[in-house]
Amino acid sequence: MVMAMGTVHDILEAGGKEAALRADIERAVVEAAALYMADESAGIGFLYSGWCQAALPHRRLPDEDPWQISSGGVALSVEPGRKPSPSGEWGWVGVPYGSRARLIMLYLQSEALRTGSRDVMLGRSLRDWLGRMGISSGGKSQKDVREQAERIARCRFTFHVTTGSRVGLVNQNVMDTAMFVPAEDPAQGSLFVEVARLSEVFFDQLRKHPVPVEEAAVRSISNNSMALDLYAWLAYRLHALEKSTPVSWAALKGQFGAGCSRMNNFKPTFIANLKLALAVYRHAKVEMDDRGLTLHPSRPPVPPRAPAAASKVPTRQAQRALL
């Protein structure tokens, strides 16, 4: 089976949403592709390549539990942090999870590369950016964002990278320092991370190994953590391939299905999210069969360019002209 998501884009261009739905393409895929194609913003974000191979959990873990995941040559461990209560007792702050954590991480890395500085403003600037990603700035959403930002600030991350016979170990916090300020709405919680300084090690790795992604693509699937992970993974892998490469269902489950005990439960969820990721990555070439996926060399979602030049791209048409 060829995951020919380019087909939905062709149908949308020729006949619109109704034509795509008549072609028996899932509504969620049609909506994501249509939203992506209608978005003419030129924003580009950046992720450290390690995050494209080993991601955060999709759901909340017990606050005291660490998170470990391994994918090919990359293994990630996240240790939960602690903070004192008003009584002085130290309690656990769990590991970050879900789509909000991923969007905050994308913002931190993109801003750091855009400005060339480890110091990143959060607060209103983060809320404005999340608004552009379709995330509300009020109510439960605001509370979720604040919680995930604090989890990121307090946790410790370890990337274990194997290349051939060489092994690299990076023990780090994403943030060296963070400034917490009172929340604008006390009912939504007491603190918000206003300013963060990325750790020198993390910032150095980000500058050496950035993976560019389209904000329009992220915006179109912003509420779906697995689809975001799959899009980032494909953005990292496909353009670097020299030949078609198989990936088994077992390997896919190990990378994307942590917490899912049975393969027959994992596959339907994975396939649905893969279709969403392909709906916002038009030039991705992926095949699926009973053995797993076959990845084919594909155009990157963003043409190669220096991170500092990302903000100078005027339109999506200008990006595509470089392909």
C-alpha atoms as a PDB file:
ATOM      1  CA  MET A   1       0.000   0.000   0.000  1.00  0.00           C
ATOM      2  CA  VAL A   2       1.453   3.365  -1.022  1.00  0.00           C
ATOM      3  CA  MET A   3       0.737   6.138   1.472  1.00  0.00           C
ATOM      4  CA  ALA A   4       0.297   8.557  -1.416  1.00  0.00           C
ATOM      5  CA  MET A   5      -0.783  11.620   0.496  1.00  0.00           C
ATOM      6  CA  GLY A   6       0.230  13.717  -2.488  1.00  0.00           C
ATOM      7  CA  THR A   7      -2.997  12.386  -3.976  1.00  0.00           C
ATOM      8  CA  VAL A   8      -5.168  14.204  -1.450  1.00  0.00           C
ATOM      9  CA  HIS A   9      -3.356  17.447  -2.229  1.00  0.00           C
ATOM     10  CA  ASP A  10      -3.951  16.947  -5.959  1.00  0.00           C
ATOM     11  CA  ILE A  11      -7.641  16.226  -5.376  1.00  0.00           C
ATOM     12  CA  LEU A  12      -8.028  19.254  -3.108  1.00  0.00           C
ATOM     13  CA  GLU A  13      -6.443  21.498  -5.697  1.00  0.00           C
ATOM     14  CA  ALA A  14      -8.659  20.120  -8.449  1.00  0.00           C
ATOM     15  CA  GLY A  15     -12.013  19.744  -6.691  1.00  0.00           C
ATOM     16  CA  GLY A  16     -11.845  20.891  -3.084  1.00  0.00           C
ATOM     17  CA  LYS A  17     -12.814  19.095   0.119  1.00  0.00           C
ATOM     18  CA  GLU A  18     -15.968  17.487  -1.224  1.00  0.00           C
ATOM     19  CA  ALA A  19     -14.056  15.817  -4.030  1.00  0.00           C
ATOM     20  CA  ALA A  20     -11.507  14.472  -1.547  1.00  0.00           C
ATOM     21  CA  LEU A  21     -14.243  13.116   0.714  1.00  0.00           C
ATOM     22  CA  ARG A  22     -15.963  11.475  -2.265  1.00  0.00           C
ATOM     23  CA  ALA A  23     -12.630   9.786  -2.985  1.00  0.00           C
ATOM     24  CA  ASP A  24     -13.045   8.005   0.377  1.00  0.00           C
ATOM     25  CA  ILE A  25     -10.229   9.856   2.112  1.00  0.00           C
ATOM     26  CA  GLU A  26     -10.717  10.209   5.869  1.00  0.00           C
ATOM     27  CA  ARG A  27     -12.205  13.536   6.914  1.00  0.00           C
ATOM     28  CA  ALA A  28      -9.415  14.189   9.449  1.00  0.00           C
ATOM     29  CA  VAL A  29      -6.811  13.776   6.707  1.00  0.00           C
ATOM     30  CA  VAL A  30      -8.756  16.007   4.317  1.00  0.00           C
ATOM     31  CA  GLU A  31      -9.137  18.709   6.971  1.00  0.00           C
ATOM     32  CA  ALA A  32      -5.443  18.632   7.915  1.00  0.00           C
ATOM     33  CA  ALA A  33      -4.293  18.752   4.284  1.00  0.00           C
ATOM     34  CA  ALA A  34      -6.747  21.539   3.431  1.00  0.00           C
ATOM     35  CA  LEU A  35      -5.696  23.614   6.435  1.00  0.00           C
ATOM     36  CA  TYR A  36      -2.043  23.143   5.543  1.00  0.00           C
ATOM     37  CA  MET A  37      -2.529  24.040   1.877  1.00  0.00           C
ATOM     38  CA  ALA A  38      -4.541  27.158   2.710  1.00  0.00           C
ATOM     39  CA  ASP A  39      -1.864  28.437   5.086  1.00  0.00           C
ATOM     40  CA  GLU A  40       0.404  30.889   3.288  1.00  0.00           C
ATOM     41  CA  SER A  41       2.548  31.860   6.276  1.00  0.00           C
ATOM     42  CA  ALA A  42       6.250  31.280   5.844  1.00  0.00           C
ATOM     43  CA  GLY A  43       7.187  30.439   9.414  1.00  0.00           C
ATOM     44  CA  ILE A  44       9.896  27.845   9.955  1.00  0.00           C
ATOM     45  CA  GLY A  45      10.679  26.098  13.216  1.00  0.00           C
ATOM     46  CA  PHE A  46      13.670  24.032  14.279  1.00  0.00           C
ATOM     47  CA  LEU A  47      14.166  20.898  16.355  1.00  0.00           C
ATOM     48  CA  TYR A  48      17.336  19.222  17.586  1.00  0.00           C
ATOM     49  CA  SER A  49      17.648  16.018  15.550  1.00  0.00           C
ATOM     50  CA  GLY A  50      17.592  13.882  18.692  1.00  0.00           C
ATOM     51  CA  TRP A  51      13.988  14.935  19.362  1.00  0.00           C
ATOM     52  CA  CYS A  52      13.021  13.689  15.891  1.00  0.00           C
ATOM     53  CA  GLN A  53      14.149  10.187  16.818  1.00  0.00           C
ATOM     54  CA  ALA A  54      13.237   9.879  20.505  1.00  0.00           C
ATOM     55  CA  ALA A  55      10.249  11.851  21.729  1.00  0.00           C
ATOM     56  CA  LEU A  56       8.404  12.583  24.962  1.00  0.00           C
ATOM     57  CA  PRO A  57       5.479  10.473  26.236  1.00  0.00           C
ATOM     58  CA  HIS A  58       2.035  11.118  24.797  1.00  0.00           C
ATOM     59  CA  ARG A  59       0.214  10.775  28.099  1.00  0.00           C
ATOM     60  CA  ARG A  60       0.876  11.762  31.680  1.00  0.00           C
ATOM     61  CA  LEU A  61       3.003   9.411  33.761  1.00  0.00           C
ATOM     62  CA  PRO A  62       2.991   9.223  37.561  1.00  0.00           C
ATOM     63  CA  ASP A  63       4.902  12.333  38.660  1.00  0.00           C
ATOM     64  CA  GLU A  64       7.760  10.327  40.208  1.00  0.00           C
ATOM     65  CA  ASP A  65       8.280   8.092  37.147  1.00  0.00           C
ATOM     66  CA  PRO A  66      11.132   8.653  34.658  1.00  0.00           C
ATOM     67  CA  TRP A  67      10.700   8.198  30.907  1.00  0.00           C
ATOM     68  CA  GLN A  68      12.970   6.124  28.683  1.00  0.00           C
ATOM     69  CA  ILE A  69      12.720   5.447  24.984  1.00  0.00           C
ATOM     70  CA  SER A  70      15.154   4.049  22.421  1.00  0.00           C
ATOM     71  CA  SER A  71      15.093   4.329  18.638  1.00  0.00           C
ATOM     72  CA  GLY A  72      17.889   2.995  16.503  1.00  0.00           C
ATOM     73  CA  GLY A  73      21.036   4.843  17.525  1.00  0.00           C
ATOM     74  CA  VAL A  74      19.334   7.270  19.912  1.00  0.00           C
ATOM     75  CA  ALA A  75      18.104   6.624  23.434  1.00  0.00           C
ATOM     76  CA  LEU A  76      16.449   9.270  25.598  1.00  0.00           C
ATOM     77  CA  SER A  77      15.964   9.310  29.354  1.00  0.00           C
ATOM     78  CA  VAL A  78      13.965  12.026  31.122  1.00  0.00           C
ATOM     79  CA  GLU A  79      14.205  12.274  34.900  1.00  0.00           C
ATOM     80  CA  PRO A  80      11.437  14.167  36.699  1.00  0.00           C
ATOM     81  CA  GLY A  81      12.393  17.222  38.713  1.00  0.00           C
ATOM     82  CA  ARG A  82      11.337  18.394  42.156  1.00  0.00           C
ATOM     83  CA  LYS A  83      10.093  21.601  43.724  1.00  0.00           C
ATOM     84  CA  PRO A  84       9.319  22.647  47.305  1.00  0.00           C
ATOM     85  CA  SER A  85       5.759  22.966  48.527  1.00  0.00           C
ATOM     86  CA  PRO A  86       4.620  25.906  50.714  1.00  0.00           C
ATOM     87  CA  SER A  87       5.353  23.677  53.716  1.00  0.00           C
ATOM     88  CA  GLY A  88       8.935  23.162  52.561  1.00  0.00           C
ATOM     89  CA  GLU A  89       8.581  19.558  51.497  1.00  0.00           C
ATOM     90  CA  TRP A  90       9.978  18.681  48.088  1.00  0.00           C
ATOM     91  CA  GLY A  91       7.556  17.009  45.698  1.00  0.00           C
ATOM     92  CA  TRP A  92       7.929  15.544  42.232  1.00  0.00           C
ATOM     93  CA  VAL A  93       7.295  17.541  39.067  1.00  0.00           C
ATOM     94  CA  GLY A  94       6.579  14.917  36.429  1.00  0.00           C
ATOM     95  CA  VAL A  95       8.106  14.604  32.976  1.00  0.00           C
ATOM     96  CA  PRO A  96       6.567  16.709  30.171  1.00  0.00           C
ATOM     97  CA  TYR A  97       4.088  14.996  27.868  1.00  0.00           C
ATOM     98  CA  GLY A  98       1.584  15.502  25.069  1.00  0.00           C
ATOM     99  CA  SER A  99       1.247  18.027  22.260  1.00  0.00           C
ATOM    100  CA  ARG A 100       1.671  21.138  24.476  1.00  0.00           C
ATOM    101  CA  ALA A 101       5.113  19.992  25.636  1.00  0.00           C
ATOM    102  CA  ARG A 102       6.181  19.368  22.050  1.00  0.00           C
ATOM    103  CA  LEU A 103       5.020  22.817  20.938  1.00  0.00           C
ATOM    104  CA  ILE A 104       6.875  24.507  23.798  1.00  0.00           C
ATOM    105  CA  MET A 105      10.048  22.592  22.940  1.00  0.00           C
ATOM    106  CA  LEU A 106       9.687  23.626  19.304  1.00  0.00           C
ATOM    107  CA  TYR A 107       9.246  27.260  20.337  1.00  0.00           C
ATOM    108  CA  LEU A 108      12.306  27.215  22.625  1.00  0.00           C
ATOM    109  CA  GLN A 109      14.553  25.745  19.955  1.00  0.00           C
ATOM    110  CA  SER A 110      13.216  27.890  17.119  1.00  0.00           C
ATOM    111  CA  GLU A 111      13.571  31.130  19.083  1.00  0.00           C
ATOM    112  CA  ALA A 112      17.086  30.254  20.224  1.00  0.00           C
ATOM    113  CA  LEU A 113      18.236  29.671  16.647  1.00  0.00           C
ATOM    114  CA  ARG A 114      16.336  32.688  15.312  1.00  0.00           C
ATOM    115  CA  THR A 115      17.958  35.055  17.811  1.00  0.00           C
ATOM    116  CA  GLY A 116      21.273  33.237  18.139  1.00  0.00           C
ATOM    117  CA  SER A 117      20.920  33.394  21.909  1.00  0.00           C
ATOM    118  CA  ARG A 118      20.445  30.847  24.678  1.00  0.00           C
ATOM    119  CA  ASP A 119      18.111  33.307  26.444  1.00  0.00           C
ATOM    120  CA  VAL A 120      14.516  32.785  25.331  1.00  0.00           C
ATOM    121  CA  MET A 121      11.536  34.875  26.397  1.00  0.00           C
ATOM    122  CA  LEU A 122       8.421  32.900  27.174  1.00  0.00           C
ATOM    123  CA  GLY A 123       5.467  34.602  28.833  1.00  0.00           C
ATOM    124  CA  ARG A 124       3.471  36.632  26.333  1.00  0.00           C
ATOM    125  CA  SER A 125       5.733  35.787  23.392  1.00  0.00           C
ATOM    126  CA  LEU A 126       5.165  32.070  23.940  1.00  0.00           C
ATOM    127  CA  ARG A 127       1.417  32.598  24.293  1.00  0.00           C
ATOM    128  CA  ASP A 128       1.366  34.620  21.062  1.00  0.00           C
ATOM    129  CA  TRP A 129       3.254  31.877  19.234  1.00  0.00           C
ATOM    130  CA  LEU A 130       0.991  29.164  20.604  1.00  0.00           C
ATOM    131  CA  GLY A 131      -1.957  31.275  19.448  1.00  0.00           C
ATOM    132  CA  ARG A 132      -0.499  31.139  15.945  1.00  0.00           C
ATOM    133  CA  MET A 133      -0.379  27.366  16.348  1.00  0.00           C
ATOM    134  CA  GLY A 134      -4.099  27.355  17.137  1.00  0.00           C
ATOM    135  CA  ILE A 135      -3.711  26.891  20.907  1.00  0.00           C
ATOM    136  CA  SER A 136      -6.032  29.011  23.047  1.00  0.00           C
ATOM    137  CA  SER A 137      -4.419  31.302  25.633  1.00  0.00           C
ATOM    138  CA  GLY A 138      -7.176  30.917  28.211  1.00  0.00           C
ATOM    139  CA  GLY A 139      -8.753  28.413  30.552  1.00  0.00           C
ATOM    140  CA  LYS A 140      -7.499  24.858  30.727  1.00  0.00           C
ATOM    141  CA  SER A 141      -5.178  25.359  27.769  1.00  0.00           C
ATOM    142  CA  GLN A 142      -3.277  28.124  29.562  1.00  0.00           C
ATOM    143  CA  LYS A 143      -2.964  25.964  32.655  1.00  0.00           C
ATOM    144  CA  ASP A 144      -1.682  23.035  30.559  1.00  0.00           C
ATOM    145  CA  VAL A 145       0.930  25.229  28.868  1.00  0.00           C
ATOM    146  CA  ARG A 146       2.190  26.569  32.185  1.00  0.00           C
ATOM    147  CA  GLU A 147       2.407  23.064  33.663  1.00  0.00           C
ATOM    148  CA  GLN A 148       4.330  21.672  30.682  1.00  0.00           C
ATOM    149  CA  ALA A 149       6.745  24.631  30.655  1.00  0.00           C
ATOM    150  CA  GLU A 150       7.532  24.046  34.325  1.00  0.00           C
ATOM    151  CA  ARG A 151       8.046  20.327  33.749  1.00  0.00           C
ATOM    152  CA  ILE A 152      10.500  21.068  30.927  1.00  0.00           C
ATOM    153  CA  ALA A 153      12.345  23.596  33.102  1.00  0.00           C
ATOM    154  CA  ARG A 154      12.786  21.211  36.046  1.00  0.00           C
ATOM    155  CA  CYS A 155      13.471  17.864  34.327  1.00  0.00           C
ATOM    156  CA  ARG A 156      16.820  16.424  33.316  1.00  0.00           C
ATOM    157  CA  PHE A 157      17.302  14.932  29.862  1.00  0.00           C
ATOM    158  CA  THR A 158      19.926  12.422  28.735  1.00  0.00           C
ATOM    159  CA  PHE A 159      20.535  11.566  25.073  1.00  0.00           C
ATOM    160  CA  HIS A 160      22.650   8.464  24.394  1.00  0.00           C
ATOM    161  CA  VAL A 161      23.739   8.516  20.738  1.00  0.00           C
ATOM    162  CA  THR A 162      25.444   5.620  18.954  1.00  0.00           C
ATOM    163  CA  THR A 163      27.099   6.123  15.561  1.00  0.00           C
ATOM    164  CA  GLY A 164      28.860   3.036  14.280  1.00  0.00           C
ATOM    165  CA  SER A 165      31.259   2.028  17.042  1.00  0.00           C
ATOM    166  CA  ARG A 166      31.225   5.475  18.638  1.00  0.00           C
ATOM    167  CA  VAL A 167      28.961   6.339  21.572  1.00  0.00           C
ATOM    168  CA  GLY A 168      28.111   9.840  22.724  1.00  0.00           C
ATOM    169  CA  LEU A 169      26.470  10.676  26.024  1.00  0.00           C
ATOM    170  CA  VAL A 170      24.837  14.054  26.651  1.00  0.00           C
ATOM    171  CA  ASN A 171      23.588  14.631  30.206  1.00  0.00           C
ATOM    172  CA  GLN A 172      21.801  17.957  30.326  1.00  0.00           C
ATOM    173  CA  ASN A 173      18.941  20.083  31.376  1.00  0.00           C
ATOM    174  CA  VAL A 174      17.205  21.771  28.484  1.00  0.00           C
ATOM    175  CA  MET A 175      17.287  24.920  30.613  1.00  0.00           C
ATOM    176  CA  ASP A 176      20.202  26.165  32.722  1.00  0.00           C
ATOM    177  CA  THR A 177      18.037  28.774  34.437  1.00  0.00           C
ATOM    178  CA  ALA A 178      14.386  29.812  34.444  1.00  0.00           C
ATOM    179  CA  MET A 179      12.570  32.805  35.906  1.00  0.00           C
ATOM    180  CA  PHE A 180       9.154  31.985  37.364  1.00  0.00           C
ATOM    181  CA  VAL A 181       6.630  34.797  37.779  1.00  0.00           C
ATOM    182  CA  PRO A 182       3.078  34.909  39.196  1.00  0.00           C
ATOM    183  CA  ALA A 183       0.396  33.854  36.745  1.00  0.00           C
ATOM    184  CA  GLU A 184      -1.849  36.584  35.366  1.00  0.00           C
ATOM    185  CA  ASP A 185      -4.867  34.605  36.528  1.00  0.00           C
ATOM    186  CA  PRO A 186      -4.285  33.192  40.044  1.00  0.00           C
ATOM    187  CA  ALA A 187      -7.117  30.723  39.504  1.00  0.00           C
ATOM    188  CA  GLN A 188      -5.027  29.050  36.805  1.00  0.00           C
ATOM    189  CA  GLY A 189      -2.024  28.397  39.033  1.00  0.00           C
ATOM    190  CA  SER A 190       0.691  30.290  40.830  1.00  0.00           C
ATOM    191  CA  LEU A 191       3.725  30.386  38.543  1.00  0.00           C
ATOM    192  CA  PHE A 192       4.700  30.714  34.897  1.00  0.00           C
ATOM    193  CA  VAL A 193       8.140  30.362  33.307  1.00  0.00           C
ATOM    194  CA  GLU A 194       8.759  33.873  31.946  1.00  0.00           C
ATOM    195  CA  VAL A 195      12.408  33.694  30.862  1.00  0.00           C
ATOM    196  CA  ALA A 196      14.546  30.638  30.181  1.00  0.00           C
ATOM    197  CA  ARG A 197      18.225  30.156  29.382  1.00  0.00           C
ATOM    198  CA  LEU A 198      18.905  27.015  27.384  1.00  0.00           C
ATOM    199  CA  SER A 199      21.825  24.962  28.595  1.00  0.00           C
ATOM    200  CA  GLU A 200      25.056  25.507  26.698  1.00  0.00           C
ATOM    201  CA  VAL A 201      25.338  21.815  25.797  1.00  0.00           C
ATOM    202  CA  PHE A 202      21.782  21.633  24.472  1.00  0.00           C
ATOM    203  CA  PHE A 203      22.138  24.890  22.504  1.00  0.00           C
ATOM    204  CA  ASP A 204      25.400  23.656  20.980  1.00  0.00           C
ATOM    205  CA  GLN A 205      23.800  20.383  19.884  1.00  0.00           C
ATOM    206  CA  LEU A 206      20.830  22.275  18.456  1.00  0.00           C
ATOM    207  CA  ARG A 207      23.078  24.532  16.371  1.00  0.00           C
ATOM    208  CA  LYS A 208      25.028  21.546  15.063  1.00  0.00           C
ATOM    209  CA  HIS A 209      22.008  19.342  14.273  1.00  0.00           C
ATOM    210  CA  PRO A 210      18.888  21.426  13.525  1.00  0.00           C
ATOM    211  CA  VAL A 211      15.943  19.940  11.632  1.00  0.00           C
ATOM    212  CA  PRO A 212      13.712  22.563   9.967  1.00  0.00           C
ATOM    213  CA  VAL A 213       9.938  22.113   9.949  1.00  0.00           C
ATOM    214  CA  GLU A 214       7.103  24.182   8.546  1.00  0.00           C
ATOM    215  CA  GLU A 215       5.003  26.044  11.086  1.00  0.00           C
ATOM    216  CA  ALA A 216       2.023  25.601   8.758  1.00  0.00           C
ATOM    217  CA  ALA A 217       2.409  21.830   9.042  1.00  0.00           C
ATOM    218  CA  VAL A 218       2.759  21.956  12.809  1.00  0.00           C
ATOM    219  CA  ARG A 219      -0.262  24.237  13.087  1.00  0.00           C
ATOM    220  CA  SER A 220      -2.419  21.813  11.103  1.00  0.00           C
ATOM    221  CA  ILE A 221      -1.746  18.887  13.480  1.00  0.00           C
ATOM    222  CA  SER A 222      -0.918  20.859  16.642  1.00  0.00           C
ATOM    223  CA  ASN A 223      -3.280  18.935  18.927  1.00  0.00           C
ATOM    224  CA  ASN A 224      -1.969  15.487  18.028  1.00  0.00           C
ATOM    225  CA  SER A 225       1.284  14.471  19.691  1.00  0.00           C
ATOM    226  CA  MET A 226       1.911  11.283  17.681  1.00  0.00           C
ATOM    227  CA  ALA A 227       1.250  13.023  14.366  1.00  0.00           C
ATOM    228  CA  LEU A 228       3.733  15.746  15.419  1.00  0.00           C
ATOM    229  CA  ASP A 229       6.327  13.084  16.246  1.00  0.00           C
ATOM    230  CA  LEU A 230       5.819  11.322  12.925  1.00  0.00           C
ATOM    231  CA  TYR A 231       6.062  14.560  10.961  1.00  0.00           C
ATOM    232  CA  ALA A 232       9.315  15.484  12.746  1.00  0.00           C
ATOM    233  CA  TRP A 233      10.715  11.980  12.169  1.00  0.00           C
ATOM    234  CA  LEU A 234       9.909  12.046   8.464  1.00  0.00           C
ATOM    235  CA  ALA A 235      11.314  15.574   8.133  1.00  0.00           C
ATOM    236  CA  TYR A 236      14.553  14.305   9.646  1.00  0.00           C
ATOM    237  CA  ARG A 237      14.846  10.985   7.817  1.00  0.00           C
ATOM    238  CA  LEU A 238      13.423  11.148   4.311  1.00  0.00           C
ATOM    239  CA  HIS A 239      15.589  13.823   2.725  1.00  0.00           C
ATOM    240  CA  ALA A 240      18.790  12.216   4.074  1.00  0.00           C
ATOM    241  CA  LEU A 241      18.100   8.765   2.603  1.00  0.00           C
ATOM    242  CA  GLU A 242      20.276   7.566  -0.253  1.00  0.00           C
ATOM    243  CA  LYS A 243      18.040   4.615  -1.040  1.00  0.00           C
ATOM    244  CA  SER A 244      14.705   3.116  -0.076  1.00  0.00           C
ATOM    245  CA  THR A 245      14.814   1.882   3.509  1.00  0.00           C
ATOM    246  CA  PRO A 246      12.483  -0.583   5.271  1.00  0.00           C
ATOM    247  CA  VAL A 247      11.373  -0.040   8.883  1.00  0.00           C
ATOM    248  CA  SER A 248       9.690  -2.989  10.604  1.00  0.00           C
ATOM    249  CA  TRP A 249       6.477  -2.798  12.597  1.00  0.00           C
ATOM    250  CA  ALA A 250       8.454  -3.889  15.663  1.00  0.00           C
ATOM    251  CA  ALA A 251      10.855  -0.967  15.262  1.00  0.00           C
ATOM    252  CA  LEU A 252       7.976   1.445  14.691  1.00  0.00           C
ATOM    253  CA  LYS A 253       6.199   0.232  17.799  1.00  0.00           C
ATOM    254  CA  GLY A 254       9.396   0.592  19.827  1.00  0.00           C
ATOM    255  CA  GLN A 255       9.793   4.190  18.704  1.00  0.00           C
ATOM    256  CA  PHE A 256       6.193   5.417  18.623  1.00  0.00           C
ATOM    257  CA  GLY A 257       4.172   2.888  20.614  1.00  0.00           C
ATOM    258  CA  ALA A 258       5.627   3.002  24.118  1.00  0.00           C
ATOM    259  CA  GLY A 259       2.806   2.248  26.525  1.00  0.00           C
ATOM    260  CA  CYS A 260       0.862   0.285  23.914  1.00  0.00           C
ATOM    261  CA  SER A 261       1.161  -3.368  24.871  1.00  0.00           C
ATOM    262  CA  ARG A 262      -0.320  -5.059  21.799  1.00  0.00           C
ATOM    263  CA  MET A 263       0.691  -4.617  18.170  1.00  0.00           C
ATOM    264  CA  ASN A 264      -2.920  -4.886  16.965  1.00  0.00           C
ATOM    265  CA  ASN A 265      -3.774  -1.905  19.187  1.00  0.00           C
ATOM    266  CA  PHE A 266      -0.748   0.083  18.026  1.00  0.00           C
ATOM    267  CA  LYS A 267      -1.149  -0.301  14.250  1.00  0.00           C
ATOM    268  CA  PRO A 268      -4.508   1.466  13.763  1.00  0.00           C
ATOM    269  CA  THR A 269      -3.408   4.427  15.882  1.00  0.00           C
ATOM    270  CA  PHE A 270      -0.064   4.635  14.114  1.00  0.00           C
ATOM    271  CA  ILE A 271      -1.594   4.452  10.626  1.00  0.00           C
ATOM    272  CA  ALA A 272      -4.163   7.149  11.404  1.00  0.00           C
ATOM    273  CA  ASN A 273      -1.446   9.472  12.700  1.00  0.00           C
ATOM    274  CA  LEU A 274       0.925   8.671   9.847  1.00  0.00           C
ATOM    275  CA  LYS A 275      -1.764   9.763   7.403  1.00  0.00           C
ATOM    276  CA  LEU A 276      -2.099  13.054   9.275  1.00  0.00           C
ATOM    277  CA  ALA A 277       1.663  13.599   9.171  1.00  0.00           C
ATOM    278  CA  LEU A 278       1.752  12.870   5.441  1.00  0.00           C
ATOM    279  CA  ALA A 279      -1.184  15.218   4.896  1.00  0.00           C
ATOM    280  CA  VAL A 280       1.111  18.096   5.934  1.00  0.00           C
ATOM    281  CA  TYR A 281       4.265  16.774   4.216  1.00  0.00           C
ATOM    282  CA  ARG A 282       3.257  16.679   0.581  1.00  0.00           C
ATOM    283  CA  HIS A 283       6.487  15.374  -0.910  1.00  0.00           C
ATOM    284  CA  ALA A 284       6.976  12.500   1.546  1.00  0.00           C
ATOM    285  CA  LYS A 285       7.221   9.100  -0.151  1.00  0.00           C
ATOM    286  CA  VAL A 286       6.238   6.258   2.148  1.00  0.00           C
ATOM    287  CA  GLU A 287       4.916   2.751   1.469  1.00  0.00           C
ATOM    288  CA  MET A 288       3.261   0.423   3.957  1.00  0.00           C
ATOM    289  CA  ASP A 289       2.746  -3.348   3.923  1.00  0.00           C
ATOM    290  CA  ASP A 290       2.471  -6.257   6.352  1.00  0.00           C
ATOM    291  CA  ARG A 291       6.150  -5.942   7.278  1.00  0.00           C
ATOM    292  CA  GLY A 292       6.091  -2.240   8.131  1.00  0.00           C
ATOM    293  CA  LEU A 293       7.053   0.887   6.190  1.00  0.00           C
ATOM    294  CA  THR A 294       9.415   1.555   3.337  1.00  0.00           C
ATOM    295  CA  LEU A 295      10.832   5.068   3.369  1.00  0.00           C
ATOM    296  CA  HIS A 296      11.938   6.525   0.037  1.00  0.00           C
ATOM    297  CA  PRO A 297      14.279   9.478  -0.560  1.00  0.00           C
ATOM    298  CA  SER A 298      12.065  12.582  -0.600  1.00  0.00           C
ATOM    299  CA  ARG A 299      12.281  16.347  -0.763  1.00  0.00           C
ATOM    300  CA  PRO A 300      12.635  17.957   2.666  1.00  0.00           C
ATOM    301  CA  PRO A 301       9.596  19.877   3.905  1.00  0.00           C
ATOM    302  CA  VAL A 302      11.758  23.028   4.085  1.00  0.00           C
ATOM    303  CA  PRO A 303      14.490  23.813   1.543  1.00  0.00           C
ATOM    304  CA  PRO A 304      17.990  23.823   3.080  1.00  0.00           C
ATOM    305  CA  ARG A 305      18.938  27.210   4.467  1.00  0.00           C
ATOM    306  CA  ALA A 306      20.725  28.732   7.420  1.00  0.00           C
ATOM    307  CA  PRO A 307      18.555  29.090  10.537  1.00  0.00           C
ATOM    308  CA  ALA A 308      19.131  32.848  10.655  1.00  0.00           C
ATOM    309  CA  ALA A 309      17.633  33.189   7.182  1.00  0.00           C
ATOM    310  CA  ALA A 310      14.373  31.459   8.078  1.00  0.00           C
ATOM    311  CA  SER A 311      12.548  34.652   8.973  1.00  0.00           C
ATOM    312  CA  LYS A 312      13.437  36.214   5.608  1.00  0.00           C
ATOM    313  CA  VAL A 313      11.367  33.799   3.501  1.00  0.00           C
ATOM    314  CA  PRO A 314       8.320  35.823   2.337  1.00  0.00           C
ATOM    315  CA  THR A 315       5.841  33.108   1.374  1.00  0.00           C
ATOM    316  CA  ARG A 316       5.353  29.368   1.079  1.00  0.00           C
ATOM    317  CA  GLN A 317       5.512  29.789  -2.715  1.00  0.00           C
ATOM    318  CA  ALA A 318       9.020  31.193  -2.317  1.00  0.00           C
ATOM    319  CA  GLN A 319      10.014  28.135  -0.295  1.00  0.00           C
ATOM    320  CA  ARG A 320       8.605  25.748  -2.892  1.00  0.00           C
ATOM    321  CA  ALA A 321      10.412  27.562  -5.698  1.00  0.00           C
ATOM    322  CA  LEU A 322      13.700  26.495  -4.132  1.00  0.00           C
ATOM    323  CA  LEU A 323      12.840  22.798  -4.262  1.00  0.00           C
END
